């Protein structure tokens, strides 16, 4: 019995070591390209061409980042993306919440049809809607403007779906008590229900920020002026060689590295808030 008991922990330990080794290997497979990107952005043109996958720049230089910010339109691209992303994220949080609450709580004629249409829109590939989007934007007279870039993205079907399902999980008794106290529908939504939907709101913020920051196809059909070029369009043009001659690996990967920073920061900041909210709900 003692020998068997000793063998079991050893086997368990061996399986754990093998499992962690496999997980570390998979993590390296995903992390290594990102490390190559950072290392290459700190190399010279000659070093990047001679040894493109090396993780040690020789010599280390910040010249690619200096060229991006001082001798290119990269700051304009970054500013445009920041403005559009903030507006779209704010709009989606508000309008997705309103629409989700209406579908979850209000009873009106055609509610089922609206919900069915919402689910159907989620199944349509984005590329199919590009030409209709362009025609509508052009017909409204907002082509090649911030309005044309922002307005079509203010409501997201997936966001409405998430908020609707979360609102349905909140007990209706909470709202009934607020109605007894004389609160109206919007007051109940804004002051009572919406604060309780914080985990869903954080999810919408993360998805909206990531989606609008990384959006490319919509901005291609919504604007063409260089002054309205977003980071995704600019980096895509840079990567394709339209804006430079030669390989230009350091400057291309420097732009890509900077582009990933805001999304990573938002994800890690709001991920902690989701965890804190979940822990608070468990304690309650």
Protein backbone atom coordinates (compact mmCIF):
# COMPACT_ATOMS: atom_id res chain seq x y z
CA UNK A 1 0.00 0.00 0.00
CA UNK A 2 2.77 2.41 0.89
CA UNK A 3 4.59 1.72 -2.38
CA UNK A 4 1.39 2.28 -4.36
CA UNK A 5 0.70 5.48 -2.44
CA UNK A 6 4.19 6.72 -3.24
CA UNK A 7 3.86 5.90 -6.94
CA UNK A 8 0.62 7.86 -7.33
CA UNK A 9 2.09 11.22 -6.23
CA UNK A 10 5.09 10.61 -8.48
CA UNK A 11 2.85 9.90 -11.47
CA UNK A 12 0.76 12.94 -10.64
CA UNK A 13 3.88 15.08 -10.39
CA UNK A 14 5.17 13.73 -13.71
CA UNK A 15 1.87 14.54 -15.42
CA UNK A 16 1.87 18.03 -13.94
CA UNK A 17 5.43 18.66 -15.12
CA UNK A 18 4.56 17.41 -18.61
CA UNK A 19 1.39 19.52 -18.70
CA UNK A 20 3.16 22.70 -17.57
CA UNK A 21 5.94 22.02 -20.05
CA UNK A 22 3.40 21.76 -22.87
CA UNK A 23 1.66 24.96 -21.75
CA UNK A 24 4.99 26.82 -21.62
CA UNK A 25 5.82 25.56 -25.12
CA UNK A 26 2.47 26.75 -26.47
CA UNK A 27 2.94 30.11 -24.75
CA UNK A 28 6.35 30.50 -26.39
CA UNK A 29 4.83 29.74 -29.80
CA UNK A 30 2.45 32.68 -29.35
CA UNK A 31 4.84 35.04 -27.58
CA UNK A 32 7.92 34.53 -29.77
CA UNK A 33 6.58 36.45 -32.82
CA UNK A 34 5.72 39.38 -30.56
CA UNK A 35 9.23 39.34 -29.09
CA UNK A 36 10.68 39.26 -32.61
CA UNK A 37 8.51 42.26 -33.47
CA UNK A 38 9.81 44.27 -30.51
CA UNK A 39 13.42 43.26 -31.11
CA UNK A 40 13.29 44.06 -34.84
CA UNK A 41 11.79 47.49 -34.15
CA UNK A 42 14.95 48.28 -32.17
CA UNK A 43 17.35 47.16 -34.92
CA UNK A 44 19.03 48.97 -37.77
CA UNK A 45 17.98 48.27 -41.36
CA UNK A 46 21.11 46.21 -41.99
CA UNK A 47 20.77 44.17 -38.80
CA UNK A 48 17.08 43.45 -39.46
CA UNK A 49 17.83 42.28 -43.01
CA UNK A 50 20.81 40.15 -41.96
CA UNK A 51 19.17 38.39 -38.99
CA UNK A 52 15.42 39.09 -38.96
CA UNK A 53 14.44 36.57 -36.23
CA UNK A 54 17.15 37.41 -33.72
CA UNK A 55 15.95 38.67 -30.33
CA UNK A 56 19.13 40.68 -29.66
CA UNK A 57 19.45 43.97 -31.59
CA UNK A 58 23.03 44.70 -32.60
CA UNK A 59 23.28 47.61 -32.16
CA UNK A 60 20.16 48.67 -30.24
CA UNK A 61 18.62 51.83 -31.67
CA UNK A 62 15.38 53.79 -31.33
CA UNK A 63 15.73 55.30 -34.80
CA UNK A 64 12.61 53.57 -36.16
CA UNK A 65 10.41 55.11 -33.45
CA UNK A 66 11.97 58.52 -34.05
CA UNK A 67 11.20 58.32 -37.76
CA UNK A 68 7.61 57.30 -37.02
CA UNK A 69 6.84 60.25 -34.76
CA UNK A 70 9.04 62.93 -36.31
CA UNK A 71 9.16 62.18 -40.04
CA UNK A 72 5.86 60.52 -40.90
CA UNK A 73 2.10 60.96 -40.52
CA UNK A 74 1.99 58.38 -37.73
CA UNK A 75 0.89 60.93 -35.05
CA UNK A 76 -2.07 61.92 -37.27
CA UNK A 77 -3.03 58.26 -37.71
CA UNK A 78 -2.80 57.65 -33.98
CA UNK A 79 -4.87 60.73 -33.13
CA UNK A 80 -7.60 59.80 -35.63
CA UNK A 81 -7.81 56.27 -34.26
CA UNK A 82 -7.94 57.56 -30.69
CA UNK A 83 -10.78 60.01 -31.44
CA UNK A 84 -12.84 57.47 -33.37
CA UNK A 85 -12.27 54.71 -30.81
CA UNK A 86 -13.31 56.86 -27.84
CA UNK A 87 -16.47 58.06 -29.62
CA UNK A 88 -17.44 54.60 -30.83
CA UNK A 89 -16.77 52.93 -27.48
CA UNK A 90 -18.78 55.56 -25.58
CA UNK A 91 -21.65 55.36 -28.06
CA UNK A 92 -21.78 51.58 -28.06
CA UNK A 93 -21.84 51.35 -24.27
CA UNK A 94 -24.80 53.76 -24.13
CA UNK A 95 -26.86 52.63 -27.13
CA UNK A 96 -26.20 48.90 -26.72
CA UNK A 97 -27.35 49.19 -23.11
CA UNK A 98 -30.51 51.09 -24.09
CA UNK A 99 -31.42 48.63 -26.83
CA UNK A 100 -30.58 45.63 -24.66
CA UNK A 101 -32.76 46.91 -21.82
CA UNK A 102 -35.65 47.62 -24.18
CA UNK A 103 -35.54 44.08 -25.60
CA UNK A 104 -35.18 42.53 -22.15
CA UNK A 105 -37.81 44.46 -20.19
CA UNK A 106 -40.18 46.43 -22.41
CA UNK A 107 -43.12 44.71 -24.08
CA UNK A 108 -43.97 46.20 -27.47
CA UNK A 109 -45.34 45.02 -30.80
CA UNK A 110 -42.68 43.55 -33.07
CA UNK A 111 -40.26 42.82 -30.23
CA UNK A 112 -39.72 39.26 -31.43
CA UNK A 113 -39.11 40.42 -35.01
CA UNK A 114 -36.53 42.96 -33.84
CA UNK A 115 -34.71 40.32 -31.81
CA UNK A 116 -34.76 37.87 -34.74
CA UNK A 117 -33.33 40.57 -37.02
CA UNK A 118 -30.64 41.27 -34.43
CA UNK A 119 -29.57 37.62 -34.37
CA UNK A 120 -29.66 37.49 -38.18
CA UNK A 121 -27.38 40.52 -38.46
CA UNK A 122 -24.84 38.79 -36.22
CA UNK A 123 -24.67 35.94 -38.75
CA UNK A 124 -23.93 38.22 -41.74
CA UNK A 125 -20.20 38.55 -42.64
CA UNK A 126 -18.92 42.10 -42.28
CA UNK A 127 -17.49 42.19 -45.80
CA UNK A 128 -20.99 41.67 -47.27
CA UNK A 129 -22.13 44.98 -45.75
CA UNK A 130 -19.25 47.11 -47.06
CA UNK A 131 -20.90 48.24 -50.31
CA UNK A 132 -24.30 48.96 -48.67
CA UNK A 133 -22.45 50.92 -45.98
CA UNK A 134 -20.66 52.98 -48.60
CA UNK A 135 -23.90 53.70 -50.48
CA UNK A 136 -25.73 54.79 -47.31
CA UNK A 137 -22.83 56.94 -46.09
CA UNK A 138 -22.50 58.60 -49.49
CA UNK A 139 -26.26 59.17 -49.78
CA UNK A 140 -26.37 60.82 -46.34
CA UNK A 141 -23.58 63.20 -47.35
CA UNK A 142 -21.21 62.15 -44.56
CA UNK A 143 -18.63 60.37 -46.71
CA UNK A 144 -15.01 61.29 -45.94
CA UNK A 145 -15.81 62.75 -42.52
CA UNK A 146 -15.64 61.78 -38.86
CA UNK A 147 -19.42 61.35 -38.92
CA UNK A 148 -19.18 58.74 -41.65
CA UNK A 149 -16.45 56.92 -39.74
CA UNK A 150 -18.21 56.96 -36.36
CA UNK A 151 -22.01 56.87 -36.82
CA UNK A 152 -22.28 53.44 -38.53
CA UNK A 153 -20.28 51.88 -35.68
CA UNK A 154 -22.23 53.35 -32.76
CA UNK A 155 -24.47 50.29 -32.33
CA UNK A 156 -23.25 46.72 -32.39
CA UNK A 157 -25.59 43.71 -32.66
CA UNK A 158 -23.36 41.53 -30.50
CA UNK A 159 -23.26 44.22 -27.80
CA UNK A 160 -27.05 44.50 -27.75
CA UNK A 161 -27.28 40.71 -27.50
CA UNK A 162 -24.87 40.62 -24.54
CA UNK A 163 -26.66 43.41 -22.67
CA UNK A 164 -30.11 41.90 -23.29
CA UNK A 165 -29.08 38.56 -21.84
CA UNK A 166 -27.46 40.19 -18.81
CA UNK A 167 -30.46 42.41 -18.07
CA UNK A 168 -32.71 39.35 -18.19
CA UNK A 169 -30.62 37.77 -15.43
CA UNK A 170 -31.35 40.69 -13.06
CA UNK A 171 -34.41 40.05 -10.85
CA UNK A 172 -37.44 42.09 -11.90
CA UNK A 173 -38.27 42.70 -8.23
CA UNK A 174 -35.47 45.27 -8.08
CA UNK A 175 -37.22 47.39 -10.72
CA UNK A 176 -40.65 46.90 -9.16
CA UNK A 177 -39.40 48.39 -5.91
CA UNK A 178 -38.05 51.41 -7.80
CA UNK A 179 -41.40 51.87 -9.56
CA UNK A 180 -43.17 51.83 -6.20
CA UNK A 181 -40.87 54.69 -5.18
CA UNK A 182 -42.02 56.66 -8.25
CA UNK A 183 -39.08 56.13 -10.62
CA UNK A 184 -39.74 56.18 -14.37
CA UNK A 185 -38.47 53.71 -16.96
CA UNK A 186 -35.32 55.63 -17.89
CA UNK A 187 -34.57 56.46 -14.25
CA UNK A 188 -34.82 52.77 -13.36
CA UNK A 189 -32.55 51.87 -16.27
CA UNK A 190 -29.96 54.55 -15.53
CA UNK A 191 -29.87 54.56 -11.73
CA UNK A 192 -30.86 51.03 -10.75
CA UNK A 193 -30.27 48.45 -13.48
CA UNK A 194 -27.25 49.86 -15.32
CA UNK A 195 -24.96 49.97 -12.24
CA UNK A 196 -25.80 46.31 -11.63
CA UNK A 197 -24.69 45.44 -15.17
CA UNK A 198 -21.08 46.48 -14.60
CA UNK A 199 -19.53 43.15 -15.73
CA UNK A 200 -21.46 43.29 -19.01
CA UNK A 201 -20.55 46.96 -19.48
CA UNK A 202 -16.87 46.20 -18.98
CA UNK A 203 -17.17 43.44 -21.57
CA UNK A 204 -18.76 45.88 -24.03
CA UNK A 205 -16.00 48.43 -23.37
CA UNK A 206 -13.27 45.87 -24.09
CA UNK A 207 -14.93 44.49 -27.22
CA UNK A 208 -15.88 47.94 -28.55
CA UNK A 209 -12.43 49.41 -27.94
CA UNK A 210 -10.67 46.47 -29.53
CA UNK A 211 -13.06 46.30 -32.47
CA UNK A 212 -13.01 50.01 -33.32
CA UNK A 213 -9.26 50.37 -32.73
CA UNK A 214 -8.50 47.43 -35.06
CA UNK A 215 -11.23 48.27 -37.62
CA UNK A 216 -9.96 48.54 -41.19
CA UNK A 217 -12.57 47.64 -43.80
CA UNK A 218 -15.15 50.20 -42.64
CA UNK A 219 -12.62 53.05 -42.63
CA UNK A 220 -11.53 52.11 -46.16
CA UNK A 221 -15.06 52.68 -47.52
CA UNK A 222 -15.94 55.59 -45.18
CA UNK A 223 -13.04 58.01 -45.84
CA UNK A 224 -10.20 58.63 -48.27
CA UNK A 225 -8.58 61.90 -47.16
CA UNK A 226 -5.03 61.58 -45.78
CA UNK A 227 -6.12 63.78 -42.86
CA UNK A 228 -8.65 61.09 -41.83
CA UNK A 229 -6.34 58.09 -42.16
CA UNK A 230 -6.55 55.84 -39.12
CA UNK A 231 -3.79 53.77 -37.61
CA UNK A 232 -4.96 50.54 -39.23
CA UNK A 233 -5.06 52.10 -42.71
CA UNK A 234 -1.71 53.80 -42.23
CA UNK A 235 0.05 50.71 -40.89
CA UNK A 236 -1.48 48.58 -43.67
CA UNK A 237 -0.15 51.01 -46.28
CA UNK A 238 3.21 51.05 -44.54
CA UNK A 239 3.38 47.25 -44.37
CA UNK A 240 2.46 46.89 -48.05
CA UNK A 241 5.31 49.19 -49.07
CA UNK A 242 3.11 51.96 -50.48
CA UNK A 243 4.67 54.62 -48.25
CA UNK A 244 8.31 53.49 -48.27
CA UNK A 245 11.01 51.89 -50.36
CA UNK A 246 12.86 48.71 -49.44
CA UNK A 247 11.99 46.30 -46.65
CA UNK A 248 11.87 48.91 -43.84
CA UNK A 249 11.31 46.15 -41.26
CA UNK A 250 12.20 48.21 -38.16
CA UNK A 251 9.80 51.07 -38.87
CA UNK A 252 6.97 48.72 -39.93
CA UNK A 253 7.27 46.59 -36.81
CA UNK A 254 7.70 49.67 -34.61
CA UNK A 255 4.35 50.94 -35.88
CA UNK A 256 2.76 47.55 -35.26
CA UNK A 257 4.20 47.41 -31.73
CA UNK A 258 2.81 50.84 -30.81
CA UNK A 259 -0.54 49.87 -32.29
CA UNK A 260 -0.90 46.93 -29.89
CA UNK A 261 -0.22 48.94 -26.71
CA UNK A 262 -3.62 50.68 -26.17
CA UNK A 263 -5.64 47.48 -26.63
CA UNK A 264 -3.36 45.58 -24.25
CA UNK A 265 -3.61 48.32 -21.61
CA UNK A 266 -7.42 48.49 -21.82
CA UNK A 267 -7.71 44.71 -21.63
CA UNK A 268 -5.52 44.32 -18.56
CA UNK A 269 -7.07 47.29 -16.73
CA UNK A 270 -10.67 46.20 -17.29
CA UNK A 271 -9.89 42.51 -16.80
CA UNK A 272 -8.92 43.34 -13.22
CA UNK A 273 -12.19 45.22 -12.76
CA UNK A 274 -14.16 42.22 -14.03
CA UNK A 275 -12.39 40.00 -11.51
CA UNK A 276 -13.00 42.47 -8.68
CA UNK A 277 -16.68 42.74 -9.59
CA UNK A 278 -17.06 38.96 -9.71
CA UNK A 279 -15.37 38.58 -6.32
CA UNK A 280 -17.69 41.20 -4.84
CA UNK A 281 -20.73 39.40 -6.22
CA UNK A 282 -19.57 36.11 -4.69
CA UNK A 283 -19.04 37.74 -1.30
CA UNK A 284 -22.49 39.24 -1.40
